[in-house]
Structure formats: structure tokens, C-alpha cells
């Protein structure tokens, strides 16, 4: 079932990654959250960037990487908000 799901979502994922690369121009796009690492690796291996360039030379592409945080990044970020507000503002 996973392979069928990947085939179904890959066109939308490719459009999303290419839109982010074109509009925001990040150095990296991180696959994380609650995504299982093996599934993240499968998705990263299959993402394709567009090869259409106006002048025959395209921009640098962002690296696609897996998140390296342990635990729930959203909860950790939310827990750090009071510290940021108290100590770094």
C-alpha cells in the first residue's frame, strides 16, 4: 500500500517542492514532523526538480534532508517560546 500511496502523492509533492524552491529559494527543505524516516528517505529519493530554465542555466536547488531532532519538534518549539520571550527580547 505504501508504494501505491507514494505514486499517488508524488505529483503533488514535486509541485510543492518546486514551488518552494522557486518562490522561497531555501538552502534546504527538511522532511520531518511525524514522518517515519524510511518513508522520508523514499520520498526524498523520488522528488524531481523541474529542468525548464529560461536561459539554459537553472538556479541552485535546495538540499532535501531528513529532520534530525528527537521528539516532537512542534512541542519543543512551543516550549521554548517563553524562554525566547523572557531572555532574548
Protein backbone atom coordinates (compact mmCIF):
# COMPACT_ATOMS: atom_id res chain seq x y z
CA UNK A 1 0.00 0.00 0.00
CA UNK A 2 2.89 2.39 0.65
CA UNK A 3 4.16 2.21 -2.93
CA UNK A 4 0.71 3.00 -4.30
CA UNK A 5 0.39 5.94 -1.89
CA UNK A 6 3.80 7.30 -2.93
CA UNK A 7 2.81 7.11 -6.60
CA UNK A 8 -0.41 9.00 -5.84
CA UNK A 9 1.19 11.82 -3.80
CA UNK A 10 4.42 12.24 -5.78
CA UNK A 11 3.00 14.65 -8.40
CA UNK A 12 1.70 16.98 -5.67
CA UNK A 13 4.93 16.64 -3.69
CA UNK A 14 7.01 17.51 -6.77
CA UNK A 15 4.88 20.60 -7.44
CA UNK A 16 5.16 21.68 -3.81
CA UNK A 17 8.93 21.21 -3.65
CA UNK A 18 9.43 23.04 -6.96
CA UNK A 19 7.17 25.88 -5.84
CA UNK A 20 9.09 26.26 -2.58
CA UNK A 21 12.41 26.16 -4.43
CA UNK A 22 11.24 28.80 -6.91
CA UNK A 23 9.44 31.17 -4.56
CA UNK A 24 11.39 30.98 -1.31
CA UNK A 25 14.81 29.76 -2.56
CA UNK A 26 15.75 27.88 0.64
CA UNK A 27 19.11 26.20 1.13
CA UNK A 28 17.35 23.07 2.37
CA UNK A 29 13.89 21.56 2.69
CA UNK A 30 13.52 19.37 5.77
CA UNK A 31 11.30 16.32 5.78
CA UNK A 32 10.29 15.78 9.38
CA UNK A 33 7.48 16.03 11.84
CA UNK A 34 5.86 12.68 12.38
CA UNK A 35 7.09 11.29 9.06
CA UNK A 36 8.79 7.90 9.54
CA UNK A 37 12.43 8.12 8.47
CA UNK A 38 12.27 5.21 5.96
CA UNK A 39 9.27 6.86 4.26
CA UNK A 40 11.09 10.21 4.24
CA UNK A 41 14.07 8.59 2.52
CA UNK A 42 11.79 7.04 -0.12
CA UNK A 43 10.15 10.40 -0.82
CA UNK A 44 13.45 12.30 -0.98
CA UNK A 45 14.86 9.75 -3.43
CA UNK A 46 11.89 10.22 -5.76
CA UNK A 47 11.43 14.00 -5.75
CA UNK A 48 12.25 15.54 -9.13
CA UNK A 49 13.09 19.17 -9.77
CA UNK A 50 11.91 20.84 -12.96
CA UNK A 51 14.57 21.11 -15.66
CA UNK A 52 12.96 24.02 -17.51
CA UNK A 53 15.20 27.09 -17.41
CA UNK A 54 14.73 30.36 -19.22
CA UNK A 55 18.38 30.89 -20.18
CA UNK A 56 19.59 27.31 -20.17
CA UNK A 57 21.05 27.61 -16.69
CA UNK A 58 18.99 26.87 -13.60
CA UNK A 59 19.32 28.04 -10.03
CA UNK A 60 20.92 26.01 -7.27
CA UNK A 61 18.44 23.52 -5.87
CA UNK A 62 17.77 23.13 -2.16
CA UNK A 63 19.06 20.06 -0.40
CA UNK A 64 16.35 17.64 0.65
CA UNK A 65 17.17 16.36 4.12
CA UNK A 66 15.57 14.37 6.91
CA UNK A 67 14.93 16.02 10.26
CA UNK A 68 17.46 15.08 12.91
CA UNK A 69 15.54 16.13 16.01
CA UNK A 70 14.41 13.64 18.59
CA UNK A 71 10.91 14.03 19.90
CA UNK A 72 8.15 16.31 18.73
CA UNK A 73 9.69 19.41 17.14
CA UNK A 74 6.43 21.35 17.44
CA UNK A 75 6.19 20.70 21.17
CA UNK A 76 9.86 21.57 21.70
CA UNK A 77 9.44 24.81 19.75
CA UNK A 78 6.33 25.74 21.71
CA UNK A 79 8.11 25.01 24.99
CA UNK A 80 10.94 27.36 24.01
CA UNK A 81 8.65 30.34 23.29
CA UNK A 82 8.52 31.52 26.94
CA UNK A 83 12.33 31.35 27.17
CA UNK A 84 12.71 33.31 23.95
CA UNK A 85 10.27 35.98 25.14
CA UNK A 86 11.87 36.23 28.58
CA UNK A 87 15.56 36.02 27.74
CA UNK A 88 16.06 37.07 24.13
CA UNK A 89 13.81 40.07 23.57
